[in-house]
């Protein structure tokens, strides 16, 4: 009797350059949401991990004033959370800007 073990062999070609940029796939609070708590943090979820320390995030009010705060990456790199240094103001609209954000393959976020 002959016994043998057959295992699958997978040939992989080297991956080419990453040409798919990261995209925002979720936000909390959601875009356009009203009556958001004034002490809320803003979390953005991405389609793939980001390179930590590359790019910038800004939260701005109606008057284009930048809101100070701290930015943290999730352990898997697929989400960032911005916590404002001070409470936000009632009745104001806020928007964020991302610049230079990229994935580990250096594909840049293009907004949207």
PDB file of N, CA and C in Angstrom:
ATOM      1  N   UNK A   1       0.841  -1.155   0.000  1.00  0.00           N
ATOM      2  CA  UNK A   1       0.000   0.000   0.000  1.00  0.00           C
ATOM      3  C   UNK A   1       0.898   1.233   0.000  1.00  0.00           C
ATOM      4  N   UNK A   2       0.528   2.203  -0.799  1.00  0.00           N
ATOM      5  CA  UNK A   2       1.287   3.453  -0.889  1.00  0.00           C
ATOM      6  C   UNK A   2       0.414   4.566  -0.331  1.00  0.00           C
ATOM      7  N   UNK A   3       0.967   5.292   0.602  1.00  0.00           N
ATOM      8  CA  UNK A   3       0.265   6.443   1.168  1.00  0.00           C
ATOM      9  C   UNK A   3       0.989   7.712   0.740  1.00  0.00           C
ATOM     10  N   UNK A   4       0.236   8.696   0.390  1.00  0.00           N
ATOM     11  CA  UNK A   4       0.862   9.974   0.046  1.00  0.00           C
ATOM     12  C   UNK A   4      -0.086  11.107   0.421  1.00  0.00           C
ATOM     13  N   UNK A   5       0.472  12.288   0.477  1.00  0.00           N
ATOM     14  CA  UNK A   5      -0.292  13.483   0.841  1.00  0.00           C
ATOM     15  C   UNK A   5      -0.219  14.446  -0.321  1.00  0.00           C
ATOM     16  N   UNK A   6      -1.348  14.886  -0.771  1.00  0.00           N
ATOM     17  CA  UNK A   6      -1.406  15.844  -1.867  1.00  0.00           C
ATOM     18  C   UNK A   6      -1.886  17.166  -1.301  1.00  0.00           C
ATOM     19  N   UNK A   7      -1.117  18.180  -1.505  1.00  0.00           N
ATOM     20  CA  UNK A   7      -1.549  19.506  -1.043  1.00  0.00           C
ATOM     21  C   UNK A   7      -1.670  20.431  -2.239  1.00  0.00           C
ATOM     22  N   UNK A   8      -2.516  21.391  -2.105  1.00  0.00           N
ATOM     23  CA  UNK A   8      -2.719  22.351  -3.184  1.00  0.00           C
ATOM     24  C   UNK A   8      -1.510  23.268  -3.289  1.00  0.00           C
ATOM     25  N   UNK A   9      -1.136  23.550  -4.496  1.00  0.00           N
ATOM     26  CA  UNK A   9      -0.048  24.486  -4.747  1.00  0.00           C
ATOM     27  C   UNK A   9      -0.654  25.690  -5.447  1.00  0.00           C
ATOM     28  N   UNK A  10      -0.389  26.839  -4.901  1.00  0.00           N
ATOM     29  CA  UNK A  10      -0.931  28.066  -5.481  1.00  0.00           C
ATOM     30  C   UNK A  10       0.232  28.908  -5.979  1.00  0.00           C
ATOM     31  N   UNK A  11       0.164  29.246  -7.243  1.00  0.00           N
ATOM     32  CA  UNK A  11       1.177  30.131  -7.808  1.00  0.00           C
ATOM     33  C   UNK A  11       0.610  31.530  -7.806  1.00  0.00           C
ATOM     34  N   UNK A  12       1.311  32.418  -7.193  1.00  0.00           N
ATOM     35  CA  UNK A  12       0.838  33.806  -7.128  1.00  0.00           C
ATOM     36  C   UNK A  12       1.813  34.703  -7.867  1.00  0.00           C
ATOM     37  N   UNK A  13       1.250  35.549  -8.689  1.00  0.00           N
ATOM     38  CA  UNK A  13       2.085  36.541  -9.342  1.00  0.00           C
ATOM     39  C   UNK A  13       2.265  37.708  -8.379  1.00  0.00           C
ATOM     40  N   UNK A  14       3.389  38.364  -8.434  1.00  0.00           N
ATOM     41  CA  UNK A  14       3.572  39.515  -7.556  1.00  0.00           C
ATOM     42  C   UNK A  14       2.479  40.544  -7.799  1.00  0.00           C
ATOM     43  N   UNK A  15       2.010  41.112  -6.728  1.00  0.00           N
ATOM     44  CA  UNK A  15       0.962  42.127  -6.836  1.00  0.00           C
ATOM     45  C   UNK A  15       1.522  43.366  -7.515  1.00  0.00           C
ATOM     46  N   UNK A  16       0.714  43.956  -8.378  1.00  0.00           N
ATOM     47  CA  UNK A  16       1.103  45.203  -9.026  1.00  0.00           C
ATOM     48  C   UNK A  16       0.873  46.370  -8.082  1.00  0.00           C
ATOM     49  N   UNK A  17       1.163  47.549  -8.542  1.00  0.00           N
ATOM     50  CA  UNK A  17       0.951  48.711  -7.689  1.00  0.00           C
ATOM     51  C   UNK A  17      -0.530  48.860  -7.334  1.00  0.00           C
ATOM     52  N   UNK A  18      -0.785  49.332  -6.130  1.00  0.00           N
ATOM     53  CA  UNK A  18      -2.152  49.547  -5.659  1.00  0.00           C
ATOM     54  C   UNK A  18      -2.681  50.806  -6.325  1.00  0.00           C
ATOM     55  N   UNK A  19      -3.670  50.649  -7.190  1.00  0.00           N
ATOM     56  CA  UNK A  19      -4.224  51.806  -7.890  1.00  0.00           C
ATOM     57  C   UNK A  19      -5.619  52.162  -7.406  1.00  0.00           C
ATOM     58  N   UNK A  20      -6.117  51.452  -6.408  1.00  0.00           N
ATOM     59  CA  UNK A  20      -7.458  51.720  -5.884  1.00  0.00           C
ATOM     60  C   UNK A  20      -7.324  52.600  -4.644  1.00  0.00           C
ATOM     61  N   UNK A  21      -7.800  53.842  -4.720  1.00  0.00           N
ATOM     62  CA  UNK A  21      -7.667  54.734  -3.571  1.00  0.00           C
ATOM     63  C   UNK A  21      -8.660  54.385  -2.467  1.00  0.00           C
ATOM     64  N   UNK A  22      -8.331  54.721  -1.229  1.00  0.00           N
ATOM     65  CA  UNK A  22      -9.277  54.501  -0.139  1.00  0.00           C
ATOM     66  C   UNK A  22     -10.483  55.427  -0.293  1.00  0.00           C
ATOM     67  N   UNK A  23     -11.636  54.935   0.103  1.00  0.00           N
ATOM     68  CA  UNK A  23     -12.876  55.713   0.051  1.00  0.00           C
ATOM     69  C   UNK A  23     -13.533  55.713   1.422  1.00  0.00           C
ATOM     70  N   UNK A  24     -14.237  56.781   1.739  1.00  0.00           N
ATOM     71  CA  UNK A  24     -15.025  56.818   2.971  1.00  0.00           C
ATOM     72  C   UNK A  24     -16.266  55.964   2.725  1.00  0.00           C
ATOM     73  N   UNK A  25     -16.477  54.949   3.571  1.00  0.00           N
ATOM     74  CA  UNK A  25     -17.625  54.054   3.416  1.00  0.00           C
ATOM     75  C   UNK A  25     -18.621  54.195   4.567  1.00  0.00           C
ATOM     76  N   UNK A  26     -18.278  54.994   5.553  1.00  0.00           N
ATOM     77  CA  UNK A  26     -19.184  55.214   6.674  1.00  0.00           C
ATOM     78  C   UNK A  26     -18.731  56.414   7.485  1.00  0.00           C
ATOM     79  N   UNK A  27     -19.695  57.093   8.077  1.00  0.00           N
ATOM     80  CA  UNK A  27     -19.382  58.253   8.912  1.00  0.00           C
ATOM     81  C   UNK A  27     -20.353  58.313  10.077  1.00  0.00           C
ATOM     82  N   UNK A  28     -19.831  58.714  11.215  1.00  0.00           N
ATOM     83  CA  UNK A  28     -20.662  58.909  12.396  1.00  0.00           C
ATOM     84  C   UNK A  28     -20.193  60.182  13.091  1.00  0.00           C
ATOM     85  N   UNK A  29     -21.068  61.157  13.213  1.00  0.00           N
ATOM     86  CA  UNK A  29     -22.446  61.180  12.736  1.00  0.00           C
ATOM     87  C   UNK A  29     -22.504  61.213  11.205  1.00  0.00           C
ATOM     88  N   UNK A  30     -23.626  60.767  10.673  1.00  0.00           N
ATOM     89  CA  UNK A  30     -23.811  60.693   9.228  1.00  0.00           C
ATOM     90  C   UNK A  30     -23.897  62.091   8.626  1.00  0.00           C
ATOM     91  N   UNK A  31     -23.521  62.196   7.350  1.00  0.00           N
ATOM     92  CA  UNK A  31     -23.587  63.456   6.622  1.00  0.00           C
ATOM     93  C   UNK A  31     -25.014  63.999   6.654  1.00  0.00           C
ATOM     94  N   UNK A  32     -25.158  65.277   6.968  1.00  0.00           N
ATOM     95  CA  UNK A  32     -26.460  65.922   6.994  1.00  0.00           C
ATOM     96  C   UNK A  32     -27.249  65.713   8.267  1.00  0.00           C
ATOM     97  N   UNK A  33     -26.717  64.961   9.205  1.00  0.00           N
ATOM     98  CA  UNK A  33     -27.427  64.677  10.451  1.00  0.00           C
ATOM     99  C   UNK A  33     -27.613  65.957  11.264  1.00  0.00           C
ATOM    100  N   UNK A  34     -28.778  66.095  11.865  1.00  0.00           N
ATOM    101  CA  UNK A  34     -29.093  67.267  12.689  1.00  0.00           C
ATOM    102  C   UNK A  34     -29.224  66.834  14.138  1.00  0.00           C
ATOM    103  N   UNK A  35     -29.172  67.813  15.030  1.00  0.00           N
ATOM    104  CA  UNK A  35     -29.316  67.589  16.469  1.00  0.00           C
ATOM    105  C   UNK A  35     -28.277  66.591  16.983  1.00  0.00           C
ATOM    106  N   UNK A  36     -27.047  66.795  16.564  1.00  0.00           N
ATOM    107  CA  UNK A  36     -25.933  65.970  17.016  1.00  0.00           C
ATOM    108  C   UNK A  36     -25.457  66.517  18.355  1.00  0.00           C
ATOM    109  N   UNK A  37     -25.114  65.644  19.266  1.00  0.00           N
ATOM    110  CA  UNK A  37     -24.613  66.073  20.576  1.00  0.00           C
ATOM    111  C   UNK A  37     -23.393  66.974  20.394  1.00  0.00           C
ATOM    112  N   UNK A  38     -23.304  68.032  21.201  1.00  0.00           N
ATOM    113  CA  UNK A  38     -22.210  68.992  21.049  1.00  0.00           C
ATOM    114  C   UNK A  38     -20.865  68.449  21.525  1.00  0.00           C
ATOM    115  N   UNK A  39     -20.880  67.314  22.212  1.00  0.00           N
ATOM    116  CA  UNK A  39     -19.622  66.712  22.662  1.00  0.00           C
ATOM    117  C   UNK A  39     -19.283  65.442  21.873  1.00  0.00           C
ATOM    118  N   UNK A  40     -19.818  65.349  20.666  1.00  0.00           N
ATOM    119  CA  UNK A  40     -19.621  64.146  19.856  1.00  0.00           C
ATOM    120  C   UNK A  40     -18.240  64.097  19.209  1.00  0.00           C
ATOM    121  N   UNK A  41     -17.763  62.906  18.964  1.00  0.00           N
ATOM    122  CA  UNK A  41     -16.551  62.679  18.175  1.00  0.00           C
ATOM    123  C   UNK A  41     -16.997  62.307  16.762  1.00  0.00           C
ATOM    124  N   UNK A  42     -16.156  62.563  15.789  1.00  0.00           N
ATOM    125  CA  UNK A  42     -16.459  62.251  14.395  1.00  0.00           C
ATOM    126  C   UNK A  42     -15.605  61.057  13.980  1.00  0.00           C
ATOM    127  N   UNK A  43     -16.263  60.007  13.482  1.00  0.00           N
ATOM    128  CA  UNK A  43     -15.545  58.814  13.032  1.00  0.00           C
ATOM    129  C   UNK A  43     -15.811  58.587  11.552  1.00  0.00           C
ATOM    130  N   UNK A  44     -14.747  58.366  10.802  1.00  0.00           N
ATOM    131  CA  UNK A  44     -14.851  58.024   9.386  1.00  0.00           C
ATOM    132  C   UNK A  44     -14.292  56.628   9.187  1.00  0.00           C
ATOM    133  N   UNK A  45     -15.055  55.794   8.476  1.00  0.00           N
ATOM    134  CA  UNK A  45     -14.614  54.440   8.147  1.00  0.00           C
ATOM    135  C   UNK A  45     -14.214  54.413   6.676  1.00  0.00           C
ATOM    136  N   UNK A  46     -13.132  53.705   6.383  1.00  0.00           N
ATOM    137  CA  UNK A  46     -12.596  53.656   5.027  1.00  0.00           C
ATOM    138  C   UNK A  46     -12.682  52.251   4.443  1.00  0.00           C
ATOM    139  N   UNK A  47     -12.612  52.193   3.117  1.00  0.00           N
ATOM    140  CA  UNK A  47     -12.706  50.927   2.388  1.00  0.00           C
ATOM    141  C   UNK A  47     -11.469  50.054   2.562  1.00  0.00           C
ATOM    142  N   UNK A  48     -10.393  50.625   3.058  1.00  0.00           N
ATOM    143  CA  UNK A  48      -9.148  49.893   3.276  1.00  0.00           C
ATOM    144  C   UNK A  48      -8.323  50.646   4.312  1.00  0.00           C
ATOM    145  N   UNK A  49      -7.310  50.009   4.870  1.00  0.00           N
ATOM    146  CA  UNK A  49      -6.485  50.692   5.875  1.00  0.00           C
ATOM    147  C   UNK A  49      -5.772  51.916   5.298  1.00  0.00           C
ATOM    148  N   UNK A  50      -5.506  52.862   6.177  1.00  0.00           N
ATOM    149  CA  UNK A  50      -4.770  54.068   5.814  1.00  0.00           C
ATOM    150  C   UNK A  50      -3.362  53.999   6.382  1.00  0.00           C
ATOM    151  N   UNK A  51      -2.477  54.787   5.803  1.00  0.00           N
ATOM    152  CA  UNK A  51      -1.128  54.934   6.363  1.00  0.00           C
ATOM    153  C   UNK A  51      -1.214  55.941   7.499  1.00  0.00           C
ATOM    154  N   UNK A  52      -0.892  55.513   8.682  1.00  0.00           N
ATOM    155  CA  UNK A  52      -0.924  56.407   9.843  1.00  0.00           C
ATOM    156  C   UNK A  52       0.127  57.494   9.680  1.00  0.00           C
ATOM    157  N   UNK A  53      -0.241  58.703  10.064  1.00  0.00           N
ATOM    158  CA  UNK A  53       0.702  59.815  10.031  1.00  0.00           C
ATOM    159  C   UNK A  53       0.868  60.467   8.676  1.00  0.00           C
ATOM    160  N   UNK A  54       0.094  60.040   7.682  1.00  0.00           N
ATOM    161  CA  UNK A  54       0.190  60.626   6.346  1.00  0.00           C
ATOM    162  C   UNK A  54      -1.111  61.358   6.051  1.00  0.00           C
ATOM    163  N   UNK A  55      -1.032  62.611   5.665  1.00  0.00           N
ATOM    164  CA  UNK A  55      -2.207  63.399   5.336  1.00  0.00           C
ATOM    165  C   UNK A  55      -2.728  64.171   6.528  1.00  0.00           C
ATOM    166  N   UNK A  56      -3.855  64.836   6.308  1.00  0.00           N
ATOM    167  CA  UNK A  56      -4.430  65.655   7.378  1.00  0.00           C
ATOM    168  C   UNK A  56      -5.950  65.581   7.371  1.00  0.00           C
ATOM    169  N   UNK A  57      -6.517  65.819   8.538  1.00  0.00           N
ATOM    170  CA  UNK A  57      -7.963  65.894   8.740  1.00  0.00           C
ATOM    171  C   UNK A  57      -8.233  67.232   9.402  1.00  0.00           C
ATOM    172  N   UNK A  58      -9.207  67.978   8.896  1.00  0.00           N
ATOM    173  CA  UNK A  58      -9.616  69.230   9.520  1.00  0.00           C
ATOM    174  C   UNK A  58     -11.122  69.242   9.668  1.00  0.00           C
ATOM    175  N   UNK A  59     -11.589  69.689  10.819  1.00  0.00           N
ATOM    176  CA  UNK A  59     -13.005  69.953  11.030  1.00  0.00           C
ATOM    177  C   UNK A  59     -13.150  71.462  11.040  1.00  0.00           C
ATOM    178  N   UNK A  60     -14.116  71.978  10.254  1.00  0.00           N
ATOM    179  CA  UNK A  60     -14.325  73.426  10.147  1.00  0.00           C
ATOM    180  C   UNK A  60     -15.788  73.763  10.377  1.00  0.00           C
ATOM    181  N   UNK A  61     -16.008  74.983  10.860  1.00  0.00           N
ATOM    182  CA  UNK A  61     -17.378  75.452  11.073  1.00  0.00           C
ATOM    183  C   UNK A  61     -17.845  76.267   9.869  1.00  0.00           C
ATOM    184  N   UNK A  62     -19.053  76.865   9.987  1.00  0.00           N
ATOM    185  CA  UNK A  62     -19.630  77.664   8.898  1.00  0.00           C
ATOM    186  C   UNK A  62     -18.727  78.807   8.456  1.00  0.00           C
ATOM    187  N   UNK A  63     -17.942  79.347   9.376  1.00  0.00           N
ATOM    188  CA  UNK A  63     -17.061  80.482   9.087  1.00  0.00           C
ATOM    189  C   UNK A  63     -15.667  80.042   8.641  1.00  0.00           C
ATOM    190  N   UNK A  64     -15.509  78.750   8.336  1.00  0.00           N
ATOM    191  CA  UNK A  64     -14.237  78.167   7.905  1.00  0.00           C
ATOM    192  C   UNK A  64     -13.164  78.224   8.990  1.00  0.00           C
ATOM    193  N   UNK A  65     -13.596  78.315  10.242  1.00  0.00           N
ATOM    194  CA  UNK A  65     -12.661  78.268  11.361  1.00  0.00           C
ATOM    195  C   UNK A  65     -12.337  76.806  11.662  1.00  0.00           C
ATOM    196  N   UNK A  66     -11.057  76.505  11.793  1.00  0.00           N
ATOM    197  CA  UNK A  66     -10.624  75.144  12.097  1.00  0.00           C
ATOM    198  C   UNK A  66     -10.882  74.836  13.563  1.00  0.00           C
ATOM    199  N   UNK A  67     -11.440  73.666  13.822  1.00  0.00           N
ATOM    200  CA  UNK A  67     -11.741  73.213  15.178  1.00  0.00           C
ATOM    201  C   UNK A  67     -10.569  72.361  15.666  1.00  0.00           C
ATOM    202  N   UNK A  68     -10.009  72.728  16.807  1.00  0.00           N
ATOM    203  CA  UNK A  68      -8.888  71.969  17.377  1.00  0.00           C
ATOM    204  C   UNK A  68      -9.392  70.654  17.960  1.00  0.00           C
ATOM    205  N   UNK A  69      -8.556  69.638  17.905  1.00  0.00           N
ATOM    206  CA  UNK A  69      -8.920  68.346  18.470  1.00  0.00           C
ATOM    207  C   UNK A  69      -7.835  67.317  18.243  1.00  0.00           C
ATOM    208  N   UNK A  70      -8.131  66.090  18.624  1.00  0.00           N
ATOM    209  CA  UNK A  70      -7.177  64.983  18.507  1.00  0.00           C
ATOM    210  C   UNK A  70      -7.689  63.955  17.505  1.00  0.00           C
ATOM    211  N   UNK A  71      -6.776  63.410  16.710  1.00  0.00           N
ATOM    212  CA  UNK A  71      -7.110  62.411  15.701  1.00  0.00           C
ATOM    213  C   UNK A  71      -6.485  61.080  16.097  1.00  0.00           C
ATOM    214  N   UNK A  72      -7.299  60.025  16.060  1.00  0.00           N
ATOM    215  CA  UNK A  72      -6.830  58.688  16.417  1.00  0.00           C
ATOM    216  C   UNK A  72      -7.198  57.702  15.314  1.00  0.00           C
ATOM    217  N   UNK A  73      -6.290  56.766  15.044  1.00  0.00           N
ATOM    218  CA  UNK A  73      -6.538  55.697  14.080  1.00  0.00           C
ATOM    219  C   UNK A  73      -7.008  54.454  14.825  1.00  0.00           C
ATOM    220  N   UNK A  74      -7.930  53.705  14.213  1.00  0.00           N
ATOM    221  CA  UNK A  74      -8.350  52.426  14.786  1.00  0.00           C
ATOM    222  C   UNK A  74      -7.179  51.446  14.681  1.00  0.00           C
ATOM    223  N   UNK A  75      -7.179  50.385  15.492  1.00  0.00           N
ATOM    224  CA  UNK A  75      -6.081  49.408  15.429  1.00  0.00           C
ATOM    225  C   UNK A  75      -5.871  48.802  14.037  1.00  0.00           C
ATOM    226  N   UNK A  76      -6.958  48.623  13.269  1.00  0.00           N
ATOM    227  CA  UNK A  76      -6.807  48.040  11.927  1.00  0.00           C
ATOM    228  C   UNK A  76      -6.524  49.091  10.853  1.00  0.00           C
ATOM    229  N   UNK A  77      -6.519  50.375  11.224  1.00  0.00           N
ATOM    230  CA  UNK A  77      -6.210  51.442  10.281  1.00  0.00           C
ATOM    231  C   UNK A  77      -7.332  51.811   9.342  1.00  0.00           C
ATOM    232  N   UNK A  78      -8.507  51.193   9.497  1.00  0.00           N
ATOM    233  CA  UNK A  78      -9.606  51.461   8.578  1.00  0.00           C
ATOM    234  C   UNK A  78     -10.578  52.515   9.075  1.00  0.00           C
ATOM    235  N   UNK A  79     -10.288  53.141  10.192  1.00  0.00           N
ATOM    236  CA  UNK A  79     -11.158  54.206  10.694  1.00  0.00           C
ATOM    237  C   UNK A  79     -10.308  55.243  11.414  1.00  0.00           C
ATOM    238  N   UNK A  80     -10.769  56.486  11.329  1.00  0.00           N
ATOM    239  CA  UNK A  80     -10.162  57.556  12.108  1.00  0.00           C
ATOM    240  C   UNK A  80     -11.260  58.206  12.937  1.00  0.00           C
ATOM    241  N   UNK A  81     -10.893  58.648  14.119  1.00  0.00           N
ATOM    242  CA  UNK A  81     -11.839  59.336  14.994  1.00  0.00           C
ATOM    243  C   UNK A  81     -11.224  60.660  15.413  1.00  0.00           C
ATOM    244  N   UNK A  82     -11.980  61.729  15.177  1.00  0.00           N
ATOM    245  CA  UNK A  82     -11.566  63.073  15.574  1.00  0.00           C
ATOM    246  C   UNK A  82     -12.398  63.481  16.780  1.00  0.00           C
ATOM    247  N   UNK A  83     -11.722  63.834  17.860  1.00  0.00           N
ATOM    248  CA  UNK A  83     -12.397  64.289  19.074  1.00  0.00           C
ATOM    249  C   UNK A  83     -12.080  65.766  19.261  1.00  0.00           C
ATOM    250  N   UNK A  84     -13.106  66.645  19.122  1.00  0.00           N
ATOM    251  CA  UNK A  84     -12.861  68.079  19.297  1.00  0.00           C
ATOM    252  C   UNK A  84     -12.334  68.392  20.695  1.00  0.00           C
ATOM    253  N   UNK A  85     -11.448  69.380  20.761  1.00  0.00           N
ATOM    254  CA  UNK A  85     -10.866  69.794  22.034  1.00  0.00           C
ATOM    255  C   UNK A  85     -11.921  70.425  22.943  1.00  0.00           C
ATOM    256  N   UNK A  86     -12.867  71.145  22.331  1.00  0.00           N
ATOM    257  CA  UNK A  86     -13.947  71.796  23.071  1.00  0.00           C
ATOM    258  C   UNK A  86     -15.279  71.358  22.478  1.00  0.00           C
ATOM    259  N   UNK A  87     -16.332  71.581  23.222  1.00  0.00           N
ATOM    260  CA  UNK A  87     -17.666  71.249  22.712  1.00  0.00           C
ATOM    261  C   UNK A  87     -17.973  72.067  21.464  1.00  0.00           C
ATOM    262  N   UNK A  88     -18.737  71.470  20.573  1.00  0.00           N
ATOM    263  CA  UNK A  88     -19.186  72.179  19.382  1.00  0.00           C
ATOM    264  C   UNK A  88     -20.322  73.117  19.776  1.00  0.00           C
ATOM    265  N   UNK A  89     -20.712  74.009  18.861  1.00  0.00           N
ATOM    266  CA  UNK A  89     -21.739  75.002  19.166  1.00  0.00           C
ATOM    267  C   UNK A  89     -23.093  74.587  18.598  1.00  0.00           C
ATOM    268  N   UNK A  90     -24.152  74.878  19.357  1.00  0.00           N
ATOM    269  CA  UNK A  90     -25.511  74.621  18.884  1.00  0.00           C
ATOM    270  C   UNK A  90     -25.782  75.458  17.639  1.00  0.00           C
ATOM    271  N   UNK A  91     -26.541  74.907  16.701  1.00  0.00           N
ATOM    272  CA  UNK A  91     -26.995  75.655  15.535  1.00  0.00           C
ATOM    273  C   UNK A  91     -25.945  75.895  14.467  1.00  0.00           C
ATOM    274  N   UNK A  92     -24.779  75.342  14.603  1.00  0.00           N
ATOM    275  CA  UNK A  92     -23.723  75.518  13.593  1.00  0.00           C
ATOM    276  C   UNK A  92     -23.602  74.258  12.746  1.00  0.00           C
ATOM    277  N   UNK A  93     -23.183  74.466  11.524  1.00  0.00           N
ATOM    278  CA  UNK A  93     -22.868  73.349  10.635  1.00  0.00           C
ATOM    279  C   UNK A  93     -21.360  73.163  10.621  1.00  0.00           C
ATOM    280  N   UNK A  94     -20.936  71.925  10.514  1.00  0.00           N
ATOM    281  CA  UNK A  94     -19.520  71.592  10.474  1.00  0.00           C
ATOM    282  C   UNK A  94     -19.260  70.680   9.288  1.00  0.00           C
ATOM    283  N   UNK A  95     -18.071  70.783   8.737  1.00  0.00           N
ATOM    284  CA  UNK A  95     -17.666  69.893   7.648  1.00  0.00           C
ATOM    285  C   UNK A  95     -16.197  69.539   7.832  1.00  0.00           C
ATOM    286  N   UNK A  96     -15.814  68.411   7.250  1.00  0.00           N
ATOM    287  CA  UNK A  96     -14.421  67.983   7.382  1.00  0.00           C
ATOM    288  C   UNK A  96     -13.713  68.051   6.035  1.00  0.00           C
ATOM    289  N   UNK A  97     -12.397  68.128   6.112  1.00  0.00           N
ATOM    290  CA  UNK A  97     -11.543  68.080   4.928  1.00  0.00           C
ATOM    291  C   UNK A  97     -10.440  67.059   5.173  1.00  0.00           C
ATOM    292  N   UNK A  98     -10.237  66.215   4.196  1.00  0.00           N
ATOM    293  CA  UNK A  98      -9.129  65.252   4.219  1.00  0.00           C
ATOM    294  C   UNK A  98      -8.181  65.621   3.089  1.00  0.00           C
ATOM    295  N   UNK A  99      -6.902  65.701   3.386  1.00  0.00           N
ATOM    296  CA  UNK A  99      -5.917  66.002   2.355  1.00  0.00           C
ATOM    297  C   UNK A  99      -4.713  65.086   2.516  1.00  0.00           C
ATOM    298  N   UNK A 100      -4.247  64.550   1.405  1.00  0.00           N
ATOM    299  CA  UNK A 100      -3.034  63.746   1.410  1.00  0.00           C
ATOM    300  C   UNK A 100      -3.160  62.381   2.064  1.00  0.00           C
ATOM    301  N   UNK A 101      -4.381  61.979   2.412  1.00  0.00           N
ATOM    302  CA  UNK A 101      -4.599  60.678   3.050  1.00  0.00           C
ATOM    303  C   UNK A 101      -4.372  59.592   2.007  1.00  0.00           C
ATOM    304  N   UNK A 102      -3.688  58.517   2.395  1.00  0.00           N
ATOM    305  CA  UNK A 102      -3.405  57.443   1.445  1.00  0.00           C
ATOM    306  C   UNK A 102      -3.345  56.091   2.136  1.00  0.00           C
ATOM    307  N   UNK A 103      -3.447  55.050   1.312  1.00  0.00           N
ATOM    308  CA  UNK A 103      -3.345  53.683   1.826  1.00  0.00           C
ATOM    309  C   UNK A 103      -1.872  53.255   1.846  1.00  0.00           C
ATOM    310  N   UNK A 104      -1.567  52.064   2.364  1.00  0.00           N
ATOM    311  CA  UNK A 104      -0.164  51.619   2.415  1.00  0.00           C
ATOM    312  C   UNK A 104       0.507  51.537   1.040  1.00  0.00           C
ATOM    313  N   UNK A 105      -0.286  51.367  -0.020  1.00  0.00           N
ATOM    314  CA  UNK A 105       0.265  51.331  -1.376  1.00  0.00           C
ATOM    315  C   UNK A 105       0.436  52.709  -1.985  1.00  0.00           C
ATOM    316  N   UNK A 106       0.191  53.756  -1.198  1.00  0.00           N
ATOM    317  CA  UNK A 106       0.335  55.159  -1.562  1.00  0.00           C
ATOM    318  C   UNK A 106      -0.715  55.661  -2.541  1.00  0.00           C
ATOM    319  N   UNK A 107      -1.855  54.957  -2.652  1.00  0.00           N
ATOM    320  CA  UNK A 107      -2.979  55.487  -3.423  1.00  0.00           C
ATOM    321  C   UNK A 107      -3.663  56.530  -2.555  1.00  0.00           C
ATOM    322  N   UNK A 108      -3.886  57.719  -3.122  1.00  0.00           N
ATOM    323  CA  UNK A 108      -4.428  58.837  -2.348  1.00  0.00           C
ATOM    324  C   UNK A 108      -5.955  58.887  -2.379  1.00  0.00           C
ATOM    325  N   UNK A 109      -6.525  59.244  -1.235  1.00  0.00           N
ATOM    326  CA  UNK A 109      -7.954  59.525  -1.132  1.00  0.00           C
ATOM    327  C   UNK A 109      -8.239  60.732  -2.014  1.00  0.00           C
ATOM    328  N   UNK A 110      -9.297  60.647  -2.826  1.00  0.00           N
ATOM    329  CA  UNK A 110      -9.609  61.739  -3.738  1.00  0.00           C
ATOM    330  C   UNK A 110     -10.884  62.477  -3.365  1.00  0.00           C
ATOM    331  N   UNK A 111     -11.501  62.132  -2.265  1.00  0.00           N
ATOM    332  CA  UNK A 111     -12.706  62.839  -1.824  1.00  0.00           C
ATOM    333  C   UNK A 111     -13.939  62.363  -2.543  1.00  0.00           C
ATOM    334  N   UNK A 112     -14.999  63.044  -2.232  1.00  0.00           N
ATOM    335  CA  UNK A 112     -16.235  62.659  -2.893  1.00  0.00           C
ATOM    336  C   UNK A 112     -17.419  62.890  -2.021  1.00  0.00           C
TER     337      UNK A 112
END
